[in-house]
Amino acid sequence: MTKIKSLKKLPVSLVADFFINKGVETGAPISNKKLQKLLYYSQAWSMALVNKPLFKDKIEAWVHGPAIRSVYLEYRSFGFSPIRKIIPTENIKKIIGDTKKFLEEIWRVYGKHDASYLEFLTHNETPWKEARLGVGALDSSDKEISLDSMAEYYSKLLKK
């Protein structure tokens, strides 16, 4: 992961716009499911690197992995299909400096993987598993994945 000094807190919708735009830009538009995982990893690595959340929205431990309800609802009409939305350039231009470099790095590391692989990854990592304790494998849940569990887990990965 790139060395980051500080990250500017952003609305989750702007971070989503960044990843949707990257997908379109690279000729591989992303699904809502993949978007959810990219947002999760952005928040998780923000906690590990600067110990501050990138956005304020809570991340819930859903059946298919981490999810942000408001973003899911915004794009649910796409189902498992790619999100086909043109993002205004001025939105993306609002993301600058270390924050832009950070999101580019998240895209570089995780953007090449499909949604199912990212789901598999999150299902095998402690923060999602802890949040799902006591919840059946196919049961819906609105249990939050804590920022502390993300910070602890991903900080340990940094040290390896």
Protein backbone atom coordinates (compact mmCIF):
# COMPACT_ATOMS: atom_id res chain seq x y z
CA MET A 1 0.00 0.00 0.00
CA THR A 2 1.20 3.50 -0.84
CA LYS A 3 2.52 5.70 1.97
CA ILE A 4 -0.24 8.13 2.83
CA LYS A 5 0.10 11.07 5.23
CA SER A 6 -3.51 12.15 5.38
CA LEU A 7 -6.79 11.56 3.62
CA LYS A 8 -9.58 14.04 3.08
CA LYS A 9 -12.93 12.79 4.36
CA LEU A 10 -15.34 12.44 1.44
CA PRO A 11 -19.02 11.73 0.93
CA VAL A 12 -19.40 8.01 0.20
CA SER A 13 -21.26 8.93 -3.00
CA LEU A 14 -18.13 10.69 -4.31
CA VAL A 15 -15.95 7.66 -3.53
CA ALA A 16 -18.55 5.50 -5.34
CA ASP A 17 -18.45 7.89 -8.30
CA PHE A 18 -14.66 7.50 -8.42
CA PHE A 19 -14.85 3.70 -8.67
CA ILE A 20 -17.78 3.68 -11.11
CA ASN A 21 -15.82 6.09 -13.29
CA LYS A 22 -12.66 3.94 -13.08
CA GLY A 23 -14.64 0.93 -14.23
CA VAL A 24 -16.07 2.78 -17.23
CA GLU A 25 -12.71 4.43 -17.97
CA THR A 26 -10.90 1.09 -18.06
CA GLY A 27 -13.59 -0.61 -20.15
CA ALA A 28 -14.68 -2.85 -17.29
CA PRO A 29 -17.77 -1.29 -15.68
CA ILE A 30 -18.38 -2.54 -12.14
CA SER A 31 -21.45 -4.04 -10.50
CA ASN A 32 -23.03 -2.82 -7.28
CA LYS A 33 -21.59 -5.88 -5.53
CA LYS A 34 -18.06 -5.01 -6.63
CA LEU A 35 -18.60 -1.35 -5.78
CA GLN A 36 -19.54 -2.34 -2.22
CA LYS A 37 -16.29 -4.26 -1.78
CA LEU A 38 -14.18 -1.41 -3.20
CA LEU A 39 -15.83 1.01 -0.78
CA TYR A 40 -15.21 -1.41 2.08
CA TYR A 41 -11.52 -1.81 1.25
CA SER A 42 -11.18 1.98 0.94
CA GLN A 43 -12.58 2.43 4.42
CA ALA A 44 -10.59 -0.47 5.86
CA TRP A 45 -7.26 0.70 4.48
CA SER A 46 -7.99 4.29 5.49
CA MET A 47 -8.41 3.03 9.05
CA ALA A 48 -5.18 1.04 8.83
CA LEU A 49 -3.08 3.79 7.28
CA VAL A 50 -4.29 7.00 8.94
CA ASN A 51 -6.63 5.65 11.64
CA LYS A 52 -9.47 7.82 10.33
CA PRO A 53 -12.53 6.88 8.31
CA LEU A 54 -12.59 7.99 4.67
CA PHE A 55 -16.38 8.46 4.84
CA LYS A 56 -18.96 8.53 7.63
CA ASP A 57 -21.39 5.84 6.42
CA LYS A 58 -21.55 2.58 8.32
CA ILE A 59 -20.65 -0.66 6.60
CA GLU A 60 -22.93 -3.60 7.32
CA ALA A 61 -22.05 -7.31 7.20
CA TRP A 62 -24.46 -8.58 4.56
CA VAL A 63 -24.70 -12.11 3.14
CA HIS A 64 -22.59 -11.17 0.09
CA GLY A 65 -20.07 -9.24 2.15
CA PRO A 66 -19.65 -5.69 3.37
CA ALA A 67 -22.24 -3.21 2.11
CA ILE A 68 -23.29 0.39 2.54
CA ARG A 69 -27.06 0.49 2.48
CA SER A 70 -27.46 3.95 0.86
CA VAL A 71 -25.09 3.08 -2.00
CA TYR A 72 -26.71 -0.32 -2.48
CA LEU A 73 -30.16 1.29 -2.73
CA GLU A 74 -28.85 3.89 -5.19
CA TYR A 75 -27.66 1.20 -7.62
CA ARG A 76 -29.88 -1.80 -6.86
CA SER A 77 -31.77 -1.38 -10.13
CA PHE A 78 -28.62 -2.64 -11.91
CA GLY A 79 -28.82 -5.97 -10.05
CA PHE A 80 -25.63 -7.93 -10.68
CA SER A 81 -25.06 -6.12 -14.01
CA PRO A 82 -22.47 -3.40 -14.53
CA ILE A 83 -23.44 0.08 -13.38
CA ARG A 84 -23.90 2.16 -16.51
CA LYS A 85 -23.74 5.72 -15.29
CA ILE A 86 -21.84 8.67 -16.67
CA ILE A 87 -20.08 10.42 -13.81
CA PRO A 88 -19.61 14.17 -14.31
CA THR A 89 -15.90 14.97 -14.65
CA GLU A 90 -16.20 17.77 -12.09
CA ASN A 91 -17.13 15.16 -9.45
CA ILE A 92 -13.92 13.21 -9.98
CA LYS A 93 -11.83 16.39 -10.07
CA LYS A 94 -12.87 17.06 -6.45
CA ILE A 95 -10.68 14.13 -5.36
CA ILE A 96 -7.09 15.34 -5.21
CA GLY A 97 -3.69 14.76 -3.63
CA ASP A 98 -3.09 11.82 -1.32
CA THR A 99 -6.77 10.94 -1.35
CA LYS A 100 -6.74 10.47 -5.11
CA LYS A 101 -3.48 8.46 -4.94
CA PHE A 102 -5.00 6.32 -2.21
CA LEU A 103 -8.15 5.54 -4.22
CA GLU A 104 -6.02 4.82 -7.30
CA GLU A 105 -4.07 2.31 -5.21
CA ILE A 106 -7.26 0.65 -3.96
CA TRP A 107 -8.34 0.35 -7.60
CA ARG A 108 -4.93 -1.03 -8.64
CA VAL A 109 -4.98 -3.71 -5.94
CA TYR A 110 -8.67 -4.67 -5.89
CA GLY A 111 -10.17 -3.33 -9.11
CA LYS A 112 -8.72 -6.12 -11.24
CA HIS A 113 -10.75 -8.74 -9.35
CA ASP A 114 -14.36 -9.64 -10.00
CA ALA A 115 -17.12 -9.16 -7.44
CA SER A 116 -17.27 -12.83 -6.46
CA TYR A 117 -13.55 -12.98 -5.73
CA LEU A 118 -13.79 -9.83 -3.59
CA GLU A 119 -16.76 -11.37 -1.76
CA PHE A 120 -14.66 -14.48 -1.12
CA LEU A 121 -11.83 -12.31 0.25
CA THR A 122 -14.05 -10.38 2.64
CA HIS A 123 -15.73 -13.58 3.83
CA ASN A 124 -12.32 -14.88 4.90
CA GLU A 125 -11.25 -11.78 6.78
CA THR A 126 -11.85 -11.14 10.48
CA PRO A 127 -13.88 -7.88 10.39
CA TRP A 128 -16.72 -9.36 8.31
CA LYS A 129 -16.62 -12.70 10.17
CA GLU A 130 -16.77 -10.98 13.59
CA ALA A 131 -19.71 -8.83 12.53
CA ARG A 132 -21.55 -11.95 11.28
CA LEU A 133 -21.11 -13.94 14.53
CA GLY A 134 -24.42 -15.49 15.49
CA VAL A 135 -25.98 -14.76 12.09
CA GLY A 136 -26.86 -17.64 9.76
CA ALA A 137 -24.90 -17.90 6.52
CA LEU A 138 -27.92 -16.92 4.41
CA ASP A 139 -29.63 -14.63 6.92
CA SER A 140 -29.78 -10.91 6.28
CA SER A 141 -28.15 -8.66 8.84
CA ASP A 142 -27.62 -4.98 9.46
CA LYS A 143 -24.79 -5.59 11.94
CA GLU A 144 -22.05 -3.03 11.50
CA ILE A 145 -18.46 -3.92 10.70
CA SER A 146 -16.66 -1.77 13.24
CA LEU A 147 -14.01 0.73 12.29
CA ASP A 148 -11.89 -0.61 15.15
CA SER A 149 -11.97 -4.15 13.77
CA MET A 150 -10.95 -2.84 10.34
CA ALA A 151 -8.12 -0.78 11.81
CA GLU A 152 -6.84 -3.68 13.88
CA TYR A 153 -7.04 -6.31 11.14
CA TYR A 154 -5.59 -4.30 8.25
CA SER A 155 -2.90 -2.67 10.40
CA LYS A 156 -1.63 -6.18 11.16
CA LEU A 157 -1.50 -6.92 7.43
CA LEU A 158 0.64 -3.81 6.94
CA LYS A 159 3.20 -5.12 9.39
CA LYS A 160 3.58 -8.44 7.54
